[in-house]
Each structure stands twice: as C-alpha cells, then as structure tokens.
C-alpha cells in the first residue's frame, strides 16, 4: 500500500497556521509589559 505525501500547498497552509499561532501566543502571553521593561528598551 503506497502512502500519499501531503501536497506542497497543504504543508504551506499548515506551516502558516502554526506560525500565526506561535506569533499570537508570543504577543498575547509572553511579551508582557513587565518583560519589555526588564529588557530595558531604548526609547
């Protein structure tokens, strides 16, 4: 039985979805004001 490989379009779509989710998690849950201040950004 031959296993079918996912299409390039499918892989790109899933990759984009994962990237969008990772960005949302980072900006909503990780990058908080307290962390920004600890990084001592230049103004």
C-alpha atoms as a PDB file:
ATOM      1  CA  UNK A   1       0.000   0.000   0.000  1.00  0.00           C
ATOM      2  CA  UNK A   2       1.538   3.287  -1.155  1.00  0.00           C
ATOM      3  CA  UNK A   3       1.432   6.186   1.282  1.00  0.00           C
ATOM      4  CA  UNK A   4       0.494   9.544  -0.221  1.00  0.00           C
ATOM      5  CA  UNK A   5       2.622  12.564   0.623  1.00  0.00           C
ATOM      6  CA  UNK A   6       0.874  15.797   1.548  1.00  0.00           C
ATOM      7  CA  UNK A   7       0.838  18.430  -1.152  1.00  0.00           C
ATOM      8  CA  UNK A   8       3.121  21.442  -1.044  1.00  0.00           C
ATOM      9  CA  UNK A   9       0.041  23.666  -0.694  1.00  0.00           C
ATOM     10  CA  UNK A  10      -1.162  21.665   2.324  1.00  0.00           C
ATOM     11  CA  UNK A  11       2.242  21.870   4.006  1.00  0.00           C
ATOM     12  CA  UNK A  12       2.499  25.617   3.356  1.00  0.00           C
ATOM     13  CA  UNK A  13      -1.000  26.159   4.753  1.00  0.00           C
ATOM     14  CA  UNK A  14      -0.264  24.178   7.916  1.00  0.00           C
ATOM     15  CA  UNK A  15       3.078  25.935   8.331  1.00  0.00           C
ATOM     16  CA  UNK A  16       1.384  29.324   8.041  1.00  0.00           C
ATOM     17  CA  UNK A  17      -1.241  28.313  10.603  1.00  0.00           C
ATOM     18  CA  UNK A  18       1.458  27.183  13.046  1.00  0.00           C
ATOM     19  CA  UNK A  19       3.420  30.398  12.536  1.00  0.00           C
ATOM     20  CA  UNK A  20       0.337  32.544  13.137  1.00  0.00           C
ATOM     21  CA  UNK A  21      -0.466  30.616  16.310  1.00  0.00           C
ATOM     22  CA  UNK A  22       3.109  30.941  17.578  1.00  0.00           C
ATOM     23  CA  UNK A  23       3.018  34.713  16.973  1.00  0.00           C
ATOM     24  CA  UNK A  24      -0.299  35.033  18.785  1.00  0.00           C
ATOM     25  CA  UNK A  25       0.965  33.026  21.771  1.00  0.00           C
ATOM     26  CA  UNK A  26       4.135  35.104  21.916  1.00  0.00           C
ATOM     27  CA  UNK A  27       2.482  38.502  21.696  1.00  0.00           C
ATOM     28  CA  UNK A  28      -0.525  37.697  23.905  1.00  0.00           C
ATOM     29  CA  UNK A  29       1.117  35.558  26.585  1.00  0.00           C
ATOM     30  CA  UNK A  30       4.867  36.052  26.580  1.00  0.00           C
ATOM     31  CA  UNK A  31       5.603  39.634  25.636  1.00  0.00           C
ATOM     32  CA  UNK A  32       4.097  41.375  28.635  1.00  0.00           C
ATOM     33  CA  UNK A  33       4.887  44.907  29.784  1.00  0.00           C
ATOM     34  CA  UNK A  34       6.974  43.564  32.688  1.00  0.00           C
ATOM     35  CA  UNK A  35       9.203  41.619  30.308  1.00  0.00           C
ATOM     36  CA  UNK A  36       9.589  44.588  27.989  1.00  0.00           C
ATOM     37  CA  UNK A  37      10.754  46.725  30.912  1.00  0.00           C
ATOM     38  CA  UNK A  38      13.210  44.027  32.054  1.00  0.00           C
ATOM     39  CA  UNK A  39      14.753  44.098  28.577  1.00  0.00           C
ATOM     40  CA  UNK A  40      15.467  47.806  29.124  1.00  0.00           C
ATOM     41  CA  UNK A  41      14.479  49.025  25.666  1.00  0.00           C
ATOM     42  CA  UNK A  42      16.000  52.207  24.347  1.00  0.00           C
ATOM     43  CA  UNK A  43      13.411  54.905  23.900  1.00  0.00           C
END
